[in-house]
Amino acid sequence: MRREPEFFEEQELALVYIAKKLKDALALEELLTRAEFEYLVEPDRYRGGVIFQTERVGAFFYVTPVEEGRVREFLAANGFQPWDPA
């Protein structure tokens, strides 16, 4: 279920996915909500492009560290490539 930042209070959250397209963000929100995961989604900037890099805005999905592993597995099992910090 989508939550507001206040719900998580001072918890450090883990970034699990960056949706670069609106349709991906909406599909992921529906999937996470149906699975009853609590998550935060916020717009933020990322750099995209190979030859001509530009700054773009995407939907950044966060979960608590306790749920991070389960959510990453869930995303991969449902066709979403979890964000890799490497």
N, C-alpha and C. Protein backbone atom coordinates (compact mmCIF):
# COMPACT_ATOMS: atom_id res chain seq x y z
N MET A 1 0.84 -1.17 0.00
CA MET A 1 0.00 0.00 0.00
C MET A 1 0.89 1.24 0.00
N ARG A 2 0.52 2.16 -0.83
CA ARG A 2 1.29 3.40 -0.92
C ARG A 2 1.12 4.19 0.37
N ARG A 3 2.22 4.67 0.89
CA ARG A 3 2.22 5.43 2.13
C ARG A 3 2.88 6.79 1.91
N GLU A 4 2.54 7.71 2.78
CA GLU A 4 3.16 9.03 2.78
C GLU A 4 4.45 8.97 3.58
N PRO A 5 5.37 9.90 3.36
CA PRO A 5 6.65 9.88 4.09
C PRO A 5 6.48 9.86 5.62
N GLU A 6 5.45 10.52 6.13
CA GLU A 6 5.23 10.58 7.57
C GLU A 6 4.99 9.20 8.17
N PHE A 7 4.43 8.28 7.39
CA PHE A 7 4.14 6.94 7.87
C PHE A 7 5.42 6.23 8.32
N PHE A 8 6.50 6.47 7.62
CA PHE A 8 7.77 5.80 7.90
C PHE A 8 8.60 6.52 8.96
N GLU A 9 8.12 7.69 9.38
CA GLU A 9 8.79 8.50 10.39
C GLU A 9 10.26 8.70 10.06
N GLU A 10 11.15 8.28 10.95
CA GLU A 10 12.59 8.51 10.76
C GLU A 10 13.31 7.29 10.19
N GLN A 11 12.57 6.28 9.74
CA GLN A 11 13.20 5.08 9.20
C GLN A 11 14.00 5.39 7.94
N GLU A 12 15.13 4.75 7.81
CA GLU A 12 15.91 4.82 6.59
C GLU A 12 15.25 3.85 5.60
N LEU A 13 14.95 4.30 4.41
CA LEU A 13 14.27 3.45 3.43
C LEU A 13 15.25 3.00 2.35
N ALA A 14 14.94 1.86 1.74
CA ALA A 14 15.79 1.29 0.69
C ALA A 14 15.14 1.52 -0.67
N LEU A 15 15.91 2.05 -1.60
CA LEU A 15 15.44 2.25 -2.97
C LEU A 15 15.44 0.90 -3.68
N VAL A 16 14.28 0.50 -4.21
CA VAL A 16 14.19 -0.80 -4.87
C VAL A 16 13.89 -0.71 -6.37
N TYR A 17 13.38 0.44 -6.83
CA TYR A 17 13.06 0.54 -8.25
C TYR A 17 12.95 2.00 -8.66
N ILE A 18 13.39 2.28 -9.89
CA ILE A 18 13.21 3.60 -10.49
C ILE A 18 12.41 3.41 -11.77
N ALA A 19 11.18 3.91 -11.76
CA ALA A 19 10.33 3.82 -12.95
C ALA A 19 10.62 5.03 -13.83
N LYS A 20 11.03 4.75 -15.05
CA LYS A 20 11.39 5.82 -15.97
C LYS A 20 10.21 6.24 -16.85
N LYS A 21 9.16 5.40 -16.86
CA LYS A 21 7.96 5.69 -17.63
C LYS A 21 6.75 5.64 -16.71
N LEU A 22 5.78 6.48 -16.98
CA LEU A 22 4.58 6.55 -16.16
C LEU A 22 3.84 5.21 -16.14
N LYS A 23 3.74 4.54 -17.29
CA LYS A 23 3.02 3.27 -17.32
C LYS A 23 3.69 2.23 -16.44
N ASP A 24 5.02 2.24 -16.35
CA ASP A 24 5.73 1.32 -15.46
C ASP A 24 5.46 1.65 -14.00
N ALA A 25 5.45 2.93 -13.68
CA ALA A 25 5.19 3.36 -12.30
C ALA A 25 3.78 2.95 -11.87
N LEU A 26 2.81 3.16 -12.73
CA LEU A 26 1.43 2.80 -12.40
C LEU A 26 1.26 1.30 -12.26
N ALA A 27 1.89 0.54 -13.15
CA ALA A 27 1.80 -0.93 -13.07
C ALA A 27 2.46 -1.44 -11.79
N LEU A 28 3.59 -0.87 -11.42
CA LEU A 28 4.28 -1.30 -10.20
C LEU A 28 3.48 -0.92 -8.96
N GLU A 29 2.89 0.25 -8.96
CA GLU A 29 2.06 0.65 -7.82
C GLU A 29 0.91 -0.34 -7.63
N GLU A 30 0.26 -0.71 -8.71
CA GLU A 30 -0.85 -1.66 -8.62
C GLU A 30 -0.37 -3.02 -8.10
N LEU A 31 0.77 -3.46 -8.60
CA LEU A 31 1.32 -4.75 -8.20
C LEU A 31 1.69 -4.77 -6.72
N LEU A 32 2.39 -3.74 -6.26
CA LEU A 32 2.80 -3.67 -4.86
C LEU A 32 1.59 -3.52 -3.93
N THR A 33 0.60 -2.79 -4.36
CA THR A 33 -0.60 -2.61 -3.55
C THR A 33 -1.37 -3.92 -3.43
N ARG A 34 -1.53 -4.65 -4.54
CA ARG A 34 -2.22 -5.93 -4.49
C ARG A 34 -1.49 -6.93 -3.60
N ALA A 35 -0.15 -6.84 -3.56
CA ALA A 35 0.64 -7.75 -2.73
C ALA A 35 0.72 -7.26 -1.28
N GLU A 36 0.12 -6.09 -1.01
CA GLU A 36 0.05 -5.50 0.32
C GLU A 36 1.42 -5.14 0.92
N PHE A 37 2.36 -4.75 0.06
CA PHE A 37 3.63 -4.20 0.54
C PHE A 37 3.41 -2.73 0.85
N GLU A 38 4.04 -2.24 1.88
CA GLU A 38 4.00 -0.81 2.19
C GLU A 38 5.20 -0.16 1.54
N TYR A 39 4.95 0.86 0.76
CA TYR A 39 6.02 1.50 0.00
C TYR A 39 5.80 3.00 -0.09
N LEU A 40 6.86 3.69 -0.42
CA LEU A 40 6.83 5.12 -0.66
C LEU A 40 7.27 5.33 -2.10
N VAL A 41 6.56 6.18 -2.83
CA VAL A 41 6.98 6.54 -4.18
C VAL A 41 7.08 8.05 -4.25
N GLU A 42 8.22 8.51 -4.77
CA GLU A 42 8.46 9.95 -4.87
C GLU A 42 9.13 10.25 -6.20
N PRO A 43 8.81 11.39 -6.79
CA PRO A 43 9.53 11.79 -8.01
C PRO A 43 10.93 12.26 -7.63
N ASP A 44 11.88 11.94 -8.48
CA ASP A 44 13.26 12.40 -8.26
C ASP A 44 13.95 12.41 -9.62
N ARG A 45 15.15 12.95 -9.64
CA ARG A 45 15.91 13.08 -10.88
C ARG A 45 16.95 11.97 -11.00
N TYR A 46 17.16 11.53 -12.24
CA TYR A 46 18.22 10.57 -12.54
C TYR A 46 18.84 10.97 -13.88
N ARG A 47 20.02 10.46 -14.15
CA ARG A 47 20.68 10.75 -15.42
C ARG A 47 20.43 9.60 -16.37
N GLY A 48 20.01 9.92 -17.58
CA GLY A 48 19.70 8.90 -18.57
C GLY A 48 20.32 9.22 -19.91
N GLY A 49 20.42 8.21 -20.74
CA GLY A 49 21.00 8.38 -22.07
C GLY A 49 22.42 7.86 -22.12
N VAL A 50 22.82 7.37 -23.28
CA VAL A 50 24.16 6.83 -23.44
C VAL A 50 25.09 7.87 -24.05
N ILE A 51 24.73 8.35 -25.21
CA ILE A 51 25.58 9.33 -25.89
C ILE A 51 25.30 10.73 -25.38
N PHE A 52 24.03 11.08 -25.34
CA PHE A 52 23.62 12.40 -24.87
C PHE A 52 22.92 12.24 -23.52
N GLN A 53 23.67 12.33 -22.46
CA GLN A 53 23.09 12.18 -21.14
C GLN A 53 22.30 13.42 -20.77
N THR A 54 21.11 13.17 -20.24
CA THR A 54 20.26 14.25 -19.78
C THR A 54 19.71 13.91 -18.40
N GLU A 55 19.28 14.93 -17.72
CA GLU A 55 18.66 14.72 -16.42
C GLU A 55 17.16 14.54 -16.66
N ARG A 56 16.60 13.46 -16.09
CA ARG A 56 15.19 13.14 -16.27
C ARG A 56 14.54 12.94 -14.92
N VAL A 57 13.22 12.89 -14.91
CA VAL A 57 12.48 12.67 -13.68
C VAL A 57 11.82 11.29 -13.76
N GLY A 58 11.94 10.54 -12.67
CA GLY A 58 11.34 9.23 -12.60
C GLY A 58 10.62 9.05 -11.27
N ALA A 59 9.94 7.93 -11.13
CA ALA A 59 9.26 7.58 -9.88
C ALA A 59 10.16 6.62 -9.12
N PHE A 60 10.62 7.03 -7.95
CA PHE A 60 11.52 6.24 -7.13
C PHE A 60 10.71 5.51 -6.06
N PHE A 61 10.85 4.20 -6.01
CA PHE A 61 10.09 3.36 -5.08
C PHE A 61 10.99 2.91 -3.93
N TYR A 62 10.50 3.15 -2.72
CA TYR A 62 11.26 2.82 -1.51
C TYR A 62 10.45 1.89 -0.61
N VAL A 63 11.16 1.02 0.11
CA VAL A 63 10.54 0.15 1.12
C VAL A 63 11.45 0.13 2.34
N THR A 64 10.95 -0.43 3.42
CA THR A 64 11.78 -0.56 4.61
C THR A 64 12.86 -1.62 4.37
N PRO A 65 14.01 -1.51 5.02
CA PRO A 65 15.07 -2.51 4.86
C PRO A 65 14.62 -3.92 5.22
N VAL A 66 13.69 -4.04 6.15
CA VAL A 66 13.17 -5.36 6.55
C VAL A 66 12.48 -6.04 5.38
N GLU A 67 11.78 -5.28 4.55
CA GLU A 67 11.04 -5.82 3.41
C GLU A 67 11.83 -5.84 2.11
N GLU A 68 12.99 -5.22 2.11
CA GLU A 68 13.74 -5.02 0.86
C GLU A 68 13.98 -6.33 0.09
N GLY A 69 14.48 -7.34 0.74
CA GLY A 69 14.78 -8.60 0.07
C GLY A 69 13.55 -9.24 -0.55
N ARG A 70 12.46 -9.27 0.20
CA ARG A 70 11.20 -9.85 -0.31
C ARG A 70 10.66 -9.05 -1.49
N VAL A 71 10.75 -7.73 -1.40
CA VAL A 71 10.24 -6.89 -2.48
C VAL A 71 11.09 -7.07 -3.73
N ARG A 72 12.41 -7.12 -3.58
CA ARG A 72 13.28 -7.32 -4.74
C ARG A 72 12.97 -8.65 -5.43
N GLU A 73 12.79 -9.70 -4.67
CA GLU A 73 12.44 -11.00 -5.26
C GLU A 73 11.09 -10.93 -5.95
N PHE A 74 10.14 -10.26 -5.31
CA PHE A 74 8.80 -10.10 -5.87
C PHE A 74 8.85 -9.33 -7.18
N LEU A 75 9.62 -8.25 -7.23
CA LEU A 75 9.75 -7.46 -8.45
C LEU A 75 10.31 -8.31 -9.59
N ALA A 76 11.41 -9.02 -9.30
CA ALA A 76 12.04 -9.84 -10.33
C ALA A 76 11.10 -10.94 -10.83
N ALA A 77 10.35 -11.54 -9.92
CA ALA A 77 9.41 -12.61 -10.30
C ALA A 77 8.26 -12.08 -11.15
N ASN A 78 8.02 -10.77 -11.09
CA ASN A 78 6.92 -10.16 -11.85
C ASN A 78 7.39 -9.32 -13.02
N GLY A 79 8.63 -9.53 -13.44
CA GLY A 79 9.12 -8.87 -14.66
C GLY A 79 9.71 -7.49 -14.50
N PHE A 80 9.94 -7.05 -13.27
CA PHE A 80 10.56 -5.75 -13.02
C PHE A 80 12.00 -5.96 -12.57
N GLN A 81 12.93 -5.25 -13.17
CA GLN A 81 14.34 -5.35 -12.79
C GLN A 81 14.59 -4.42 -11.61
N PRO A 82 14.81 -4.96 -10.39
CA PRO A 82 15.06 -4.09 -9.24
C PRO A 82 16.28 -3.20 -9.46
N TRP A 83 16.24 -2.03 -8.87
CA TRP A 83 17.35 -1.09 -8.99
C TRP A 83 18.58 -1.69 -8.32
N ASP A 84 19.71 -1.57 -9.01
CA ASP A 84 20.98 -2.09 -8.51
C ASP A 84 21.91 -0.91 -8.26
N PRO A 85 22.32 -0.71 -7.02
CA PRO A 85 23.17 0.45 -6.70
C PRO A 85 24.56 0.37 -7.29
N ALA A 86 24.97 -0.76 -7.82
CA ALA A 86 26.33 -0.92 -8.35
C ALA A 86 26.53 -0.26 -9.68
